[in-house]
Each structure stands twice: as C-alpha cells, then as structure tokens.
Amino acid sequence: MNPYMSYEAVNTKIISRTGHLLNKNEWNKLLSFNTVEQMTDYLKQQPQIKKILEEFKNDNIHRDSLEAVLGKIKTNEIEDLINYFSGPYKEFIKAMLIDSEITDISLILRKIARGESLEDVNKRFIHSEKYSGISYDKLLSSRSVENFTQNLKDTPYYIGLRNLSNEDAINREFHIEMKLQGVLYTTLLNKAENLNKDDMETAQDIIGFKIDLENIQWIYRAIKYYDISPEEILVYSLEGGKKIKYKKLKNLCYSKTIEEFKQSVTAYLKYDIFKGIADSNTDIGVDYHMFNYLKNKHYNNIGSSIAYFYILGIIIDDLTSITEGIKYNVPREKLMEYLAYRI
C-alpha cells in the first residue's frame, strides 16, 4: 500500500466524475442549445459547476466569464484531490496546477502588451489561490512588458521571459506559450522522479506522450506559419518526450516540407496522427489523440489521477468550443468536428 496516496478514495471519486463528464446524453443536450444562456442555465444544475457559477454576481454571464468558470473546474478538482495525497505525491499533484497559473500569467501579459485595461481581469483568473506562489497583485501593477517580466523575478517563469520585448509579446504568442509550458513539464517530470518506480514510469509515460503531441503541434505551426529557422524551432521545443527524443525532435525541426514532417511523425509514433484531420484542425487532432490514448486505460496507480486531469482539461476545452459554436451559430455537425470527444 502506498502511504502517500489514498488510492481507493481517489479512484472512486474519479470514476464517479468521469462517468458524468463523458455521458453521451449530457453531451447531446449541450449540443442542442441555441444560446449561451441556455447552456449556462443547464450548467448551473451541475454540482461541479454550480458552486463556481455562484461566485459571479451578475446572472448575465458572457462567453469570457463562462470560459473562466469552466477553467476553474479543473483547478477546483485538483485542489480537492490534493487532500488525498501527501509527501512527494502531494507535491506532484500540486505541480499540475501550474497549467492554470500559466493561463493567467499569459492573460495579463497579452493585455499589457496590447495596451488594454487590466480592470476586472482578475475575474477571469482560474489559478489556485490556495497553492499559487505568484503575486498576481504585483503582476497587475505592471505598466509595461519589461516591468511585468521584472515582477516575475524569483519565479520559475522569469528565465524564459526575461528578455521578452513588447513586440515579442504581441507577435510571438506561441513561442512564449512554449517557454511557459516548458516550466510546467520540467517541473512535473522532476516531481515524478520522487515517486515510487511504478508511479514514476507511469507519469513519465503519460506526460511524455503529451510532450510529444505538444512538440508536434508546435513544429507543425512553426514550419507552416512562422518564418523562423530550424535552430529556433528546436530551441522552443520541449524536452522529455516519450517517443520523440532529441535526435528525432531535431529531425522534425529540420523538415523541409510539411509532408516530410508528417511522414517523420508517422514513422516515430508508429501511426498516422494526421489521418482524417484537416490542416486547419491540427490542434484539435492533438487533443483527440490524447483523449483516445487515455480513455480506455485503467491505471492502478498515480496514472488514474493524471489521466483524469488531462481528460478533464480536454472536456473543458470542448465545452468552451461548444460555447463559441453556439455564440456564432455553427451548425451542430460542423461543431462536432472541432471536438476531441466524439459522441
């Protein structure tokens, strides 16, 4: 028995929550709504979401607010499950909260770079107030990108962003995202080394596959849309992949065409990740493959929690896509093409 993890209690809760999240009847109902208000009223009836919605005094919750509500679900779930862990396992689960921390840091940075007001931006925050070590009040006091990066000093994010210019913050958003994601995955993999052997290997397997997918997405975009050198693409790529280690990663970065890149990815992963996915939908393909990689796996260790958090994140992204689809009157069949969870 693992003294650092209440496995049965965690698994019981996860099975209950996952079963509800992946209920096809619920998803059909969501896809039948014609307005964001209908969707919001329905979500108010869900225990996991009702509590968060009650924090918003204004009943007229617009898309940005609803997106923040959905984002907080994952944060709340991680905070809730942290109580079932101790020692190095608790530290590992806490590291999963870095994802929501990065979302809020990126939000503030974008607004500062574009000269937009930071008033009420805190209402869109999804980070954990309980476990975050970042001073968001200090970040919100920033008056320039340079000031913002200086206010990140003594945090894990500072080194990757310290030379950031205002122009970079506006024109190189995806590059910045990769730098911040690097902090997340480096921390997770470092924390995983303190778990027992079986749990460590499972964590490395799941996180490594996620890193592979993140790199595939990044390199695809870099080759297709950005005018940057292979050397720079490699610099922004993530370390720690499961199947795509450094040599293969470098080969992908130096692909001369998108077709060559796709062929190499297929060879490295041993299956065609791009099959049936339109070029414009490559990002959705990443979530789709991550979802399929995890949905039928049955872990008897820390893997159940990691898989749950990743699946929950994908479902939240899909709920956000449904909200956008409803807002812009996207036909149901077309909207379903943008979802990782296929009914």
Protein backbone atom coordinates (compact mmCIF):
# COMPACT_ATOMS: atom_id res chain seq x y z
CA MET A 1 0.00 0.00 0.00
CA ASN A 2 1.28 3.45 -0.92
CA PRO A 3 1.49 5.54 2.29
CA TYR A 4 1.37 8.79 0.29
CA MET A 5 -1.83 8.15 -1.68
CA SER A 6 -5.39 7.14 -0.70
CA TYR A 7 -5.78 5.26 -3.96
CA GLU A 8 -9.24 3.72 -3.42
CA ALA A 9 -10.80 7.02 -2.30
CA VAL A 10 -9.24 8.90 -5.23
CA ASN A 11 -10.27 6.27 -7.76
CA THR A 12 -13.86 6.11 -6.51
CA LYS A 13 -14.20 9.87 -6.89
CA ILE A 14 -12.55 9.87 -10.32
CA ILE A 15 -14.75 7.06 -11.67
CA SER A 16 -17.85 8.91 -10.49
CA ARG A 17 -16.79 12.25 -12.00
CA THR A 18 -15.51 10.82 -15.29
CA GLY A 19 -18.70 8.83 -15.85
CA HIS A 20 -20.73 12.03 -15.63
CA LEU A 21 -18.38 14.06 -17.81
CA LEU A 22 -18.45 11.51 -20.62
CA ASN A 23 -22.19 10.87 -20.54
CA LYS A 24 -23.39 10.94 -24.17
CA ASN A 25 -26.89 12.07 -23.22
CA GLU A 26 -25.43 15.10 -21.43
CA TRP A 27 -23.31 16.00 -24.46
CA ASN A 28 -26.24 15.64 -26.85
CA LYS A 29 -28.17 18.01 -24.61
CA LEU A 30 -25.34 20.56 -24.64
CA LEU A 31 -25.13 20.40 -28.42
CA SER A 32 -28.87 21.06 -28.71
CA PHE A 33 -28.73 24.52 -27.11
CA ASN A 34 -29.21 27.61 -29.25
CA THR A 35 -27.95 30.26 -26.81
CA VAL A 36 -25.13 30.63 -24.29
CA GLU A 37 -27.82 31.49 -21.71
CA GLN A 38 -29.43 28.06 -22.19
CA MET A 39 -26.07 26.39 -21.72
CA THR A 40 -25.32 28.47 -18.61
CA ASP A 41 -28.70 27.65 -17.07
CA TYR A 42 -28.07 23.96 -17.67
CA LEU A 43 -24.56 24.10 -16.22
CA LYS A 44 -25.93 25.78 -13.10
CA GLN A 45 -27.62 22.47 -12.32
CA GLN A 46 -24.33 20.57 -12.31
CA PRO A 47 -22.79 20.25 -8.81
CA GLN A 48 -19.20 20.70 -10.03
CA ILE A 49 -20.07 23.94 -11.79
CA LYS A 50 -22.88 25.42 -9.68
CA LYS A 51 -20.52 26.33 -6.84
CA ILE A 52 -18.21 28.24 -9.20
CA LEU A 53 -21.07 29.98 -11.02
CA GLU A 54 -22.35 31.29 -7.70
CA GLU A 55 -19.17 33.39 -7.40
CA PHE A 56 -20.44 35.51 -10.29
CA LYS A 57 -22.96 38.06 -9.01
CA ASN A 58 -24.16 39.04 -12.47
CA ASP A 59 -26.55 36.49 -13.98
CA ASN A 60 -25.65 37.70 -17.48
CA ILE A 61 -22.53 35.58 -17.83
CA HIS A 62 -20.90 36.30 -21.18
CA ARG A 63 -18.56 33.96 -23.03
CA ASP A 64 -15.35 35.15 -21.31
CA SER A 65 -16.90 34.69 -17.88
CA LEU A 66 -18.23 31.24 -18.75
CA GLU A 67 -14.80 30.26 -20.05
CA ALA A 68 -13.30 31.30 -16.68
CA VAL A 69 -15.96 29.26 -14.87
CA LEU A 70 -15.11 26.21 -16.96
CA GLY A 71 -11.38 26.77 -16.41
CA LYS A 72 -11.87 26.84 -12.66
CA ILE A 73 -13.43 23.38 -12.69
CA LYS A 74 -10.07 21.72 -13.29
CA THR A 75 -8.37 23.88 -10.66
CA ASN A 76 -11.04 23.02 -8.09
CA GLU A 77 -10.83 19.32 -8.91
CA ILE A 78 -7.05 19.27 -8.45
CA GLU A 79 -7.36 21.19 -5.17
CA ASP A 80 -9.97 18.72 -3.99
CA LEU A 81 -7.89 15.64 -4.85
CA ILE A 82 -4.70 17.07 -3.33
CA ASN A 83 -6.22 16.25 0.06
CA TYR A 84 -5.88 12.53 -0.71
CA PHE A 85 -2.11 12.75 -1.20
CA SER A 86 0.88 13.50 0.99
CA GLY A 87 4.66 13.82 0.73
CA PRO A 88 6.15 13.71 -2.79
CA TYR A 89 2.79 12.66 -4.25
CA LYS A 90 1.11 15.80 -2.97
CA GLU A 91 3.93 17.90 -4.45
CA PHE A 92 3.49 16.16 -7.80
CA ILE A 93 -0.28 16.78 -7.90
CA LYS A 94 0.23 20.41 -6.85
CA ALA A 95 2.51 20.82 -9.88
CA MET A 96 -0.50 20.06 -12.10
CA LEU A 97 -1.85 23.46 -11.02
CA ILE A 98 0.95 25.22 -12.91
CA ASP A 99 -1.16 24.86 -16.06
CA SER A 100 -3.86 27.24 -14.78
CA GLU A 101 -1.18 29.55 -13.39
CA ILE A 102 0.33 29.84 -16.89
CA THR A 103 -3.10 30.66 -18.34
CA ASP A 104 -3.48 33.66 -16.03
CA ILE A 105 0.10 34.86 -16.50
CA SER A 106 -0.41 34.74 -20.28
CA LEU A 107 -3.70 36.63 -19.98
CA ILE A 108 -2.09 39.52 -18.06
CA LEU A 109 0.89 39.62 -20.42
CA ARG A 110 -1.29 39.82 -23.55
CA LYS A 111 -3.32 42.69 -22.14
CA ILE A 112 -0.25 44.67 -21.08
CA ALA A 113 1.43 44.17 -24.48
CA ARG A 114 -1.69 45.36 -26.30
CA GLY A 115 -2.20 48.33 -24.03
CA GLU A 116 -5.55 47.00 -22.79
CA SER A 117 -7.06 47.75 -19.40
CA LEU A 118 -6.38 45.31 -16.55
CA GLU A 119 -9.53 46.35 -14.73
CA ASP A 120 -11.56 43.34 -13.58
CA VAL A 121 -9.16 40.95 -15.34
CA ASN A 122 -8.90 39.09 -12.02
CA LYS A 123 -12.49 37.93 -12.58
CA ARG A 124 -11.17 35.75 -15.39
CA PHE A 125 -8.44 34.14 -13.29
CA ILE A 126 -8.50 30.37 -12.94
CA HIS A 127 -5.32 29.73 -10.92
CA SER A 128 -5.33 28.20 -7.46
CA GLU A 129 -5.36 30.97 -4.85
CA LYS A 130 -4.59 28.35 -2.21
CA TYR A 131 -1.43 26.91 -3.73
CA SER A 132 -0.03 29.53 -6.11
CA GLY A 133 3.21 31.22 -5.10
CA ILE A 134 2.82 34.04 -7.63
CA SER A 135 1.92 37.59 -6.55
CA TYR A 136 -0.82 38.44 -9.03
CA ASP A 137 -1.34 41.86 -7.43
CA LYS A 138 2.28 42.61 -8.29
CA LEU A 139 1.81 41.42 -11.88
CA LEU A 140 -1.37 43.51 -12.22
CA SER A 141 0.59 46.58 -11.14
CA SER A 142 2.90 46.20 -14.17
CA ARG A 143 2.84 49.09 -16.63
CA SER A 144 4.95 47.54 -19.39
CA VAL A 145 6.12 44.16 -20.63
CA GLU A 146 9.59 44.84 -19.21
CA ASN A 147 8.07 45.75 -15.84
CA PHE A 148 5.93 42.61 -16.00
CA THR A 149 8.91 40.31 -16.56
CA GLN A 150 10.81 42.00 -13.73
CA ASN A 151 7.82 41.33 -11.47
CA LEU A 152 8.22 37.64 -12.32
CA LYS A 153 11.69 37.61 -10.82
CA ASP A 154 12.24 34.83 -8.27
CA THR A 155 9.60 32.68 -10.03
CA PRO A 156 10.23 29.72 -12.37
CA TYR A 157 8.89 31.77 -15.29
CA TYR A 158 11.42 34.58 -15.18
CA ILE A 159 14.36 32.96 -17.01
CA GLY A 160 12.31 32.07 -20.09
CA LEU A 161 10.71 35.53 -20.35
CA ARG A 162 13.40 37.89 -19.03
CA ASN A 163 14.42 39.18 -22.49
CA LEU A 164 10.85 39.50 -23.75
CA SER A 165 10.01 42.67 -25.67
CA ASN A 166 6.60 44.23 -26.24
CA GLU A 167 6.78 43.21 -29.92
CA ASP A 168 7.57 39.62 -28.93
CA ALA A 169 4.59 39.52 -26.58
CA ILE A 170 2.28 40.57 -29.43
CA ASN A 171 3.76 38.69 -32.39
CA ARG A 172 5.28 35.60 -30.79
CA GLU A 173 2.49 34.33 -28.54
CA PHE A 174 3.04 30.68 -29.37
CA HIS A 175 6.77 30.95 -28.70
CA ILE A 176 6.01 32.39 -25.26
CA GLU A 177 3.48 29.63 -24.63
CA MET A 178 6.14 27.00 -25.35
CA LYS A 179 8.54 28.67 -22.89
CA LEU A 180 5.88 28.64 -20.18
CA GLN A 181 4.85 25.08 -21.00
CA GLY A 182 8.49 24.13 -20.57
CA VAL A 183 8.25 25.19 -16.92
CA LEU A 184 5.17 23.02 -16.45
CA TYR A 185 6.60 19.84 -17.96
CA THR A 186 10.07 20.22 -16.46
CA THR A 187 8.50 20.62 -13.01
CA LEU A 188 6.16 17.66 -13.48
CA LEU A 189 8.94 15.35 -14.67
CA ASN A 190 11.23 16.47 -11.83
CA LYS A 191 8.49 15.86 -9.25
CA ALA A 192 7.74 12.47 -10.83
CA GLU A 193 11.29 11.32 -10.04
CA ASN A 194 10.35 11.37 -6.33
CA LEU A 195 7.51 8.86 -6.81
CA ASN A 196 7.96 5.11 -6.48
CA LYS A 197 9.24 3.31 -9.59
CA ASP A 198 5.87 2.16 -10.94
CA ASP A 199 4.24 5.56 -10.46
CA MET A 200 7.27 7.39 -11.85
CA GLU A 201 7.25 5.31 -15.03
CA THR A 202 3.51 5.81 -15.50
CA ALA A 203 3.83 9.56 -15.01
CA GLN A 204 6.73 9.72 -17.46
CA ASP A 205 4.73 7.70 -20.00
CA ILE A 206 1.61 9.91 -19.91
CA ILE A 207 3.42 13.24 -19.62
CA GLY A 208 5.98 12.16 -22.23
CA PHE A 209 3.22 11.40 -24.73
CA LYS A 210 1.62 14.80 -24.01
CA ILE A 211 5.00 16.45 -24.65
CA ASP A 212 5.31 14.59 -27.96
CA LEU A 213 1.92 15.95 -29.01
CA GLU A 214 2.77 19.49 -27.89
CA ASN A 215 6.01 19.38 -29.90
CA ILE A 216 4.24 18.03 -32.99
CA GLN A 217 1.73 20.87 -32.76
CA TRP A 218 4.46 23.49 -32.24
CA ILE A 219 6.75 22.30 -35.05
CA TYR A 220 3.83 21.94 -37.46
CA ARG A 221 2.79 25.54 -36.80
CA ALA A 222 6.36 26.82 -36.94
CA ILE A 223 7.03 25.25 -40.35
CA LYS A 224 3.66 26.17 -41.83
CA TYR A 225 3.10 29.67 -40.44
CA TYR A 226 6.25 31.16 -38.88
CA ASP A 227 9.30 32.44 -40.70
CA ILE A 228 11.86 31.13 -38.22
CA SER A 229 14.91 28.91 -38.53
CA PRO A 230 15.04 25.18 -37.65
CA GLU A 231 17.52 26.09 -34.90
CA GLU A 232 15.00 28.42 -33.29
CA ILE A 233 12.19 25.87 -33.64
CA LEU A 234 14.37 23.39 -31.76
CA VAL A 235 15.17 25.91 -29.01
CA TYR A 236 11.46 26.37 -28.27
CA SER A 237 10.66 22.64 -28.37
CA LEU A 238 10.03 20.73 -25.15
CA GLU A 239 12.29 18.11 -23.60
CA GLY A 240 11.08 14.84 -22.09
CA GLY A 241 9.02 13.32 -24.89
CA LYS A 242 8.07 9.64 -24.79
CA LYS A 243 8.79 8.55 -28.35
CA ILE A 244 10.33 11.66 -29.87
CA LYS A 245 13.68 12.12 -28.15
CA TYR A 246 16.23 14.79 -29.03
CA LYS A 247 17.60 13.31 -32.28
CA LYS A 248 14.13 12.68 -33.70
CA LEU A 249 12.95 16.05 -32.42
CA LYS A 250 15.81 17.74 -34.24
CA ASN A 251 14.98 15.87 -37.44
CA LEU A 252 11.39 17.13 -37.24
CA CYS A 253 12.56 20.71 -36.71
CA TYR A 254 14.72 20.48 -39.82
CA SER A 255 11.93 19.09 -42.03
CA LYS A 256 11.96 20.89 -45.37
CA THR A 257 8.25 20.50 -46.07
CA ILE A 258 5.04 19.80 -44.16
CA GLU A 259 4.71 16.50 -46.00
CA GLU A 260 8.20 15.40 -44.93
CA PHE A 261 7.34 16.45 -41.36
CA LYS A 262 4.10 14.41 -41.36
CA GLN A 263 5.87 11.33 -42.72
CA SER A 264 8.53 11.53 -40.00
CA VAL A 265 5.91 11.98 -37.25
CA THR A 266 4.03 8.92 -38.51
CA ALA A 267 7.24 6.89 -38.52
CA TYR A 268 8.18 7.97 -34.97
CA LEU A 269 4.74 7.44 -33.42
CA LYS A 270 4.01 4.28 -35.44
CA TYR A 271 0.61 5.60 -36.55
CA ASP A 272 -0.75 8.48 -38.61
CA ILE A 273 -1.79 11.23 -36.21
CA PHE A 274 -2.92 13.41 -39.13
CA LYS A 275 -5.28 10.88 -40.72
CA GLY A 276 -8.73 12.36 -41.16
CA ILE A 277 -7.67 15.71 -39.67
CA ALA A 278 -7.89 18.83 -41.85
CA ASP A 279 -4.85 21.14 -41.80
CA SER A 280 -6.91 23.80 -40.03
CA ASN A 281 -7.83 21.31 -37.33
CA THR A 282 -4.37 20.07 -36.32
CA ASP A 283 -4.74 21.40 -32.77
CA ILE A 284 -8.00 19.50 -32.30
CA GLY A 285 -6.23 16.39 -33.57
CA VAL A 286 -3.73 16.68 -30.72
CA ASP A 287 -6.49 16.71 -28.10
CA TYR A 288 -8.31 13.94 -29.96
CA HIS A 289 -5.29 11.63 -29.86
CA MET A 290 -4.50 12.43 -26.23
CA PHE A 291 -8.10 11.66 -25.32
CA ASN A 292 -8.06 8.37 -27.19
CA TYR A 293 -4.71 7.45 -25.64
CA LEU A 294 -6.14 7.77 -22.15
CA LYS A 295 -9.85 6.98 -22.28
CA ASN A 296 -9.59 3.18 -22.22
CA LYS A 297 -6.58 2.87 -19.93
CA HIS A 298 -7.09 1.52 -16.41
CA TYR A 299 -4.35 2.55 -14.03
CA ASN A 300 -3.82 1.12 -10.56
CA ASN A 301 -1.54 3.95 -9.51
CA ILE A 302 -0.96 7.69 -9.91
CA GLY A 303 -1.86 7.30 -13.59
CA SER A 304 -5.59 7.40 -12.79
CA SER A 305 -5.25 10.93 -11.40
CA ILE A 306 -3.01 12.21 -14.21
CA ALA A 307 -5.33 10.75 -16.86
CA TYR A 308 -8.36 12.30 -15.14
CA PHE A 309 -6.82 15.77 -15.08
CA TYR A 310 -5.86 15.57 -18.76
CA ILE A 311 -9.26 14.24 -19.83
CA LEU A 312 -10.96 16.91 -17.72
CA GLY A 313 -8.86 19.59 -19.44
CA ILE A 314 -9.84 18.26 -22.87
CA ILE A 315 -13.53 18.15 -21.92
CA ILE A 316 -13.32 21.75 -20.66
CA ASP A 317 -11.74 22.81 -23.97
CA ASP A 318 -14.61 21.08 -25.78
CA LEU A 319 -17.20 22.83 -23.60
CA THR A 320 -15.52 26.14 -24.49
CA SER A 321 -15.69 25.20 -28.18
CA ILE A 322 -19.40 24.38 -27.82
CA THR A 323 -19.94 27.79 -26.19
CA GLU A 324 -18.18 29.50 -29.12
CA GLY A 325 -20.13 27.41 -31.60
CA ILE A 326 -23.44 28.37 -30.03
CA LYS A 327 -22.45 32.05 -29.94
CA TYR A 328 -21.58 32.07 -33.66
CA ASN A 329 -24.42 29.75 -34.77
CA VAL A 330 -22.13 26.99 -36.01
CA PRO A 331 -24.23 24.02 -37.26
CA ARG A 332 -24.18 21.04 -34.88
CA GLU A 333 -22.49 18.66 -37.34
CA LYS A 334 -19.77 21.21 -38.11
CA LEU A 335 -19.28 21.98 -34.42
CA MET A 336 -18.76 18.30 -33.63
CA GLU A 337 -15.77 18.26 -35.98
CA TYR A 338 -14.00 20.65 -33.59
CA LEU A 339 -14.48 18.45 -30.53
CA ALA A 340 -11.89 15.98 -29.22
CA TYR A 341 -14.64 13.93 -27.55
CA ARG A 342 -16.63 12.38 -30.38
CA ILE A 343 -20.14 11.25 -29.46
